[in-house]
Each structure stands twice: as C-alpha cells, then as structure tokens.
C-alpha cells in the first residue's frame, strides 16, 4: 500500500522512496503553501535536515525547464548528496 499524507488540504502520495527517506512529520512541518501548485515534491536529507524542491509537469503554469519533473533523476545525481535518503511525493 502506498503512503499518503495530507498537507493544507492537498493529498500527496509517496511514489518513490530511497533508504527510508520519507518522514511524514518532517514533511508536514516543512511543506508550506509555497509548494501547493507543484505536481511533485522531492525531499532529500542533507546533514540531518530535510530539503524540499518542487517539480512540475509540462502543462503546469509554474513549469520551467529547471523544475521539469522529467529532470528529477538528474537533479538527484547532481544536487543531492551521494547516496542520501530521499523521497518523491506526487499531488493527487
């Protein structure tokens, strides 16, 4: 069964998790209104702190090349610590 979480009346589903990266309480505390319009949120851990980054599908009004969901794997390889814990949630 997939993990789901609700933040600010928006429901998200964990679609990928690496090395138990998803911490529901930390995600709820960190996910502000800023992320409401993103289709996906990547959460990665650096120095025991959760960092969030929003990504979009091409039809989203916030879409830019820098936040294209199709580039998320490159972002993880280039911007996240090697072998860090991470997760990706998708807005339902």
N, C-alpha and C. Protein backbone atom coordinates (compact mmCIF):
# COMPACT_ATOMS: atom_id res chain seq x y z
N UNK A 1 0.84 -1.19 0.00
CA UNK A 1 0.00 0.00 0.00
C UNK A 1 0.88 1.25 0.00
N UNK A 2 0.54 2.20 -0.83
CA UNK A 2 1.33 3.43 -0.93
C UNK A 2 1.07 4.33 0.28
N UNK A 3 2.11 5.05 0.64
CA UNK A 3 2.00 6.01 1.74
C UNK A 3 1.35 7.28 1.20
N UNK A 4 0.41 7.83 1.99
CA UNK A 4 -0.24 9.08 1.62
C UNK A 4 -0.18 10.03 2.79
N UNK A 5 -0.21 11.32 2.46
CA UNK A 5 -0.17 12.35 3.50
C UNK A 5 -0.96 13.55 2.99
N UNK A 6 -1.61 14.25 3.90
CA UNK A 6 -2.39 15.43 3.55
C UNK A 6 -1.75 16.65 4.21
N UNK A 7 -1.50 17.69 3.39
CA UNK A 7 -0.92 18.94 3.88
C UNK A 7 -1.73 20.09 3.27
N UNK A 8 -2.22 20.98 4.12
CA UNK A 8 -3.00 22.13 3.64
C UNK A 8 -4.11 21.72 2.68
N UNK A 9 -4.84 20.70 3.03
CA UNK A 9 -5.96 20.19 2.23
C UNK A 9 -5.56 19.57 0.89
N UNK A 10 -4.27 19.37 0.67
CA UNK A 10 -3.79 18.72 -0.55
C UNK A 10 -3.25 17.35 -0.16
N UNK A 11 -3.68 16.34 -0.93
CA UNK A 11 -3.22 14.98 -0.64
C UNK A 11 -2.07 14.62 -1.57
N UNK A 12 -1.06 14.00 -0.98
CA UNK A 12 0.12 13.55 -1.71
C UNK A 12 0.30 12.06 -1.51
N UNK A 13 0.92 11.43 -2.50
CA UNK A 13 1.24 10.02 -2.42
C UNK A 13 2.74 9.86 -2.65
N UNK A 14 3.38 9.06 -1.82
CA UNK A 14 4.81 8.79 -1.99
C UNK A 14 4.96 7.84 -3.18
N UNK A 15 5.65 8.30 -4.22
CA UNK A 15 5.82 7.46 -5.41
C UNK A 15 7.21 6.85 -5.51
N UNK A 16 8.15 7.40 -4.75
CA UNK A 16 9.49 6.82 -4.69
C UNK A 16 10.10 7.17 -3.35
N UNK A 17 10.81 6.20 -2.78
CA UNK A 17 11.48 6.42 -1.50
C UNK A 17 12.78 5.64 -1.52
N UNK A 18 13.85 6.31 -1.14
CA UNK A 18 15.17 5.67 -1.12
C UNK A 18 15.70 5.69 0.31
N UNK A 19 16.10 4.54 0.79
CA UNK A 19 16.62 4.33 2.14
C UNK A 19 15.78 4.99 3.23
N UNK A 20 14.49 4.68 3.21
CA UNK A 20 13.55 5.19 4.22
C UNK A 20 13.61 6.71 4.36
N UNK A 21 13.63 7.38 3.24
CA UNK A 21 13.77 8.84 3.24
C UNK A 21 12.54 9.61 3.67
N UNK A 22 11.36 8.99 3.58
CA UNK A 22 10.14 9.73 3.89
C UNK A 22 9.86 9.75 5.39
N UNK A 23 9.76 10.95 5.94
CA UNK A 23 9.38 11.15 7.34
C UNK A 23 8.14 12.04 7.31
N UNK A 24 7.00 11.43 7.57
CA UNK A 24 5.71 12.13 7.44
C UNK A 24 5.66 13.41 8.26
N UNK A 25 6.07 13.34 9.51
CA UNK A 25 6.00 14.51 10.39
C UNK A 25 6.90 15.64 9.89
N UNK A 26 8.12 15.31 9.49
CA UNK A 26 9.04 16.32 8.98
C UNK A 26 8.50 16.94 7.68
N UNK A 27 7.93 16.11 6.82
CA UNK A 27 7.37 16.62 5.57
C UNK A 27 6.23 17.59 5.84
N UNK A 28 5.33 17.22 6.72
CA UNK A 28 4.19 18.10 7.05
C UNK A 28 4.69 19.43 7.62
N UNK A 29 5.70 19.38 8.47
CA UNK A 29 6.24 20.61 9.07
C UNK A 29 6.94 21.50 8.05
N UNK A 30 7.56 20.90 7.06
CA UNK A 30 8.38 21.65 6.10
C UNK A 30 7.60 22.12 4.86
N UNK A 31 6.53 21.42 4.52
CA UNK A 31 5.78 21.69 3.29
C UNK A 31 4.84 22.87 3.51
N UNK A 32 5.21 24.02 3.01
CA UNK A 32 4.43 25.25 3.18
C UNK A 32 3.53 25.48 1.96
N UNK A 33 2.78 26.57 2.01
CA UNK A 33 1.91 26.95 0.89
C UNK A 33 2.69 27.13 -0.42
N UNK A 34 3.95 27.44 -0.31
CA UNK A 34 4.80 27.65 -1.48
C UNK A 34 4.73 26.46 -2.44
N UNK A 35 4.60 25.25 -1.90
CA UNK A 35 4.63 24.04 -2.72
C UNK A 35 3.27 23.62 -3.26
N UNK A 36 2.21 24.33 -2.93
CA UNK A 36 0.85 23.92 -3.29
C UNK A 36 0.63 23.71 -4.78
N UNK A 37 1.25 24.49 -5.63
CA UNK A 37 1.00 24.40 -7.07
C UNK A 37 1.92 23.44 -7.82
N UNK A 38 2.88 22.85 -7.13
CA UNK A 38 3.78 21.90 -7.77
C UNK A 38 3.12 20.52 -7.86
N UNK A 39 3.41 19.79 -8.93
CA UNK A 39 2.85 18.45 -9.12
C UNK A 39 3.60 17.40 -8.31
N UNK A 40 4.89 17.62 -8.09
CA UNK A 40 5.75 16.69 -7.36
C UNK A 40 6.63 17.47 -6.40
N UNK A 41 6.98 16.83 -5.31
CA UNK A 41 7.94 17.42 -4.38
C UNK A 41 8.99 16.37 -4.07
N UNK A 42 10.24 16.77 -4.23
CA UNK A 42 11.37 15.93 -3.86
C UNK A 42 11.84 16.37 -2.49
N UNK A 43 12.01 15.43 -1.61
CA UNK A 43 12.58 15.70 -0.30
C UNK A 43 13.87 14.93 -0.16
N UNK A 44 14.96 15.62 0.13
CA UNK A 44 16.23 14.94 0.34
C UNK A 44 16.84 15.41 1.65
N UNK A 45 17.68 14.56 2.22
CA UNK A 45 18.27 14.82 3.53
C UNK A 45 19.74 15.18 3.38
N UNK A 46 20.11 16.32 3.95
CA UNK A 46 21.50 16.77 3.97
C UNK A 46 21.81 17.23 5.39
N UNK A 47 22.80 16.64 5.99
CA UNK A 47 23.20 16.99 7.36
C UNK A 47 22.00 16.90 8.31
N UNK A 48 21.22 15.83 8.17
CA UNK A 48 20.04 15.56 9.00
C UNK A 48 18.95 16.62 8.90
N UNK A 49 18.96 17.39 7.82
CA UNK A 49 17.90 18.38 7.58
C UNK A 49 17.20 18.04 6.27
N UNK A 50 15.89 18.16 6.29
CA UNK A 50 15.09 17.90 5.11
C UNK A 50 15.05 19.12 4.20
N UNK A 51 15.37 18.90 2.93
CA UNK A 51 15.27 19.96 1.92
C UNK A 51 14.17 19.55 0.94
N UNK A 52 13.36 20.51 0.52
CA UNK A 52 12.29 20.24 -0.43
C UNK A 52 12.50 21.03 -1.71
N UNK A 53 12.11 20.43 -2.84
CA UNK A 53 12.18 21.09 -4.15
C UNK A 53 10.96 20.67 -4.94
N UNK A 54 10.27 21.64 -5.53
CA UNK A 54 9.08 21.36 -6.33
C UNK A 54 9.41 21.11 -7.78
N UNK A 55 8.64 20.20 -8.39
CA UNK A 55 8.79 19.87 -9.81
C UNK A 55 7.40 19.86 -10.45
N UNK A 56 7.36 20.09 -11.77
CA UNK A 56 6.09 20.22 -12.48
C UNK A 56 6.04 19.35 -13.73
N UNK A 57 4.81 19.05 -14.13
CA UNK A 57 4.56 18.52 -15.46
C UNK A 57 4.56 19.69 -16.43
N UNK A 58 4.70 19.38 -17.70
CA UNK A 58 4.79 20.44 -18.72
C UNK A 58 3.53 21.31 -18.82
N UNK A 59 2.38 20.80 -18.41
CA UNK A 59 1.15 21.57 -18.53
C UNK A 59 0.86 22.45 -17.30
N UNK A 60 1.74 22.45 -16.31
CA UNK A 60 1.58 23.25 -15.10
C UNK A 60 2.01 24.70 -15.39
N UNK A 61 1.26 25.66 -14.85
CA UNK A 61 1.56 27.08 -15.08
C UNK A 61 2.92 27.49 -14.50
N UNK A 62 3.42 26.75 -13.52
CA UNK A 62 4.73 27.04 -12.93
C UNK A 62 5.89 26.39 -13.67
N UNK A 63 5.57 25.63 -14.71
CA UNK A 63 6.60 24.86 -15.43
C UNK A 63 7.70 25.75 -15.99
N UNK A 64 8.91 25.34 -15.68
CA UNK A 64 10.12 25.90 -16.30
C UNK A 64 11.06 24.73 -16.49
N UNK A 65 12.02 24.89 -17.35
CA UNK A 65 12.95 23.80 -17.61
C UNK A 65 13.64 23.34 -16.32
N UNK A 66 13.92 24.26 -15.42
CA UNK A 66 14.64 23.95 -14.19
C UNK A 66 13.81 23.08 -13.22
N UNK A 67 12.47 23.13 -13.34
CA UNK A 67 11.65 22.32 -12.44
C UNK A 67 10.82 21.27 -13.19
N UNK A 68 11.29 20.87 -14.36
CA UNK A 68 10.64 19.83 -15.16
C UNK A 68 10.78 18.48 -14.45
N UNK A 69 9.67 17.81 -14.20
CA UNK A 69 9.70 16.52 -13.50
C UNK A 69 10.59 15.51 -14.21
N UNK A 70 10.68 15.60 -15.52
CA UNK A 70 11.49 14.65 -16.28
C UNK A 70 12.98 14.78 -15.97
N UNK A 71 13.39 15.86 -15.32
CA UNK A 71 14.81 16.05 -14.97
C UNK A 71 15.11 15.70 -13.51
N UNK A 72 14.15 15.11 -12.82
CA UNK A 72 14.32 14.88 -11.38
C UNK A 72 15.48 13.93 -11.08
N UNK A 73 15.68 12.92 -11.91
CA UNK A 73 16.80 11.99 -11.66
C UNK A 73 18.14 12.69 -11.81
N UNK A 74 18.26 13.58 -12.79
CA UNK A 74 19.49 14.36 -12.95
C UNK A 74 19.70 15.27 -11.75
N UNK A 75 18.62 15.88 -11.27
CA UNK A 75 18.72 16.75 -10.10
C UNK A 75 19.24 15.97 -8.89
N UNK A 76 18.71 14.77 -8.69
CA UNK A 76 19.15 13.95 -7.56
C UNK A 76 20.64 13.64 -7.67
N UNK A 77 21.09 13.28 -8.86
CA UNK A 77 22.51 12.94 -9.06
C UNK A 77 23.43 14.15 -8.90
N UNK A 78 22.97 15.32 -9.38
CA UNK A 78 23.83 16.49 -9.41
C UNK A 78 23.74 17.39 -8.17
N UNK A 79 22.58 17.46 -7.55
CA UNK A 79 22.36 18.43 -6.46
C UNK A 79 22.21 17.82 -5.07
N UNK A 80 22.03 16.53 -5.00
CA UNK A 80 21.85 15.88 -3.70
C UNK A 80 23.13 15.15 -3.30
N UNK A 81 23.31 14.99 -2.01
CA UNK A 81 24.49 14.27 -1.52
C UNK A 81 24.46 12.83 -2.01
N UNK A 82 25.61 12.29 -2.31
CA UNK A 82 25.73 10.92 -2.80
C UNK A 82 25.10 9.93 -1.82
N UNK A 83 24.20 9.09 -2.34
CA UNK A 83 23.52 8.06 -1.56
C UNK A 83 22.68 8.62 -0.41
N UNK A 84 22.24 9.86 -0.52
CA UNK A 84 21.40 10.43 0.54
C UNK A 84 20.02 9.78 0.54
N UNK A 85 19.37 9.89 1.67
CA UNK A 85 17.98 9.45 1.77
C UNK A 85 17.13 10.48 1.03
N UNK A 86 16.13 10.01 0.31
CA UNK A 86 15.22 10.94 -0.36
C UNK A 86 13.88 10.29 -0.64
N UNK A 87 12.92 11.12 -1.03
CA UNK A 87 11.60 10.64 -1.43
C UNK A 87 11.01 11.60 -2.44
N UNK A 88 10.03 11.10 -3.18
CA UNK A 88 9.27 11.93 -4.11
C UNK A 88 7.80 11.69 -3.82
N UNK A 89 7.07 12.80 -3.65
CA UNK A 89 5.61 12.71 -3.49
C UNK A 89 4.95 13.35 -4.71
N UNK A 90 3.79 12.81 -5.06
CA UNK A 90 3.01 13.32 -6.17
C UNK A 90 1.67 13.84 -5.64
N UNK A 91 1.29 15.02 -6.10
CA UNK A 91 -0.01 15.58 -5.71
C UNK A 91 -1.11 14.74 -6.35
N UNK A 92 -2.10 14.37 -5.55
CA UNK A 92 -3.22 13.56 -6.06
C UNK A 92 -4.37 14.48 -6.43
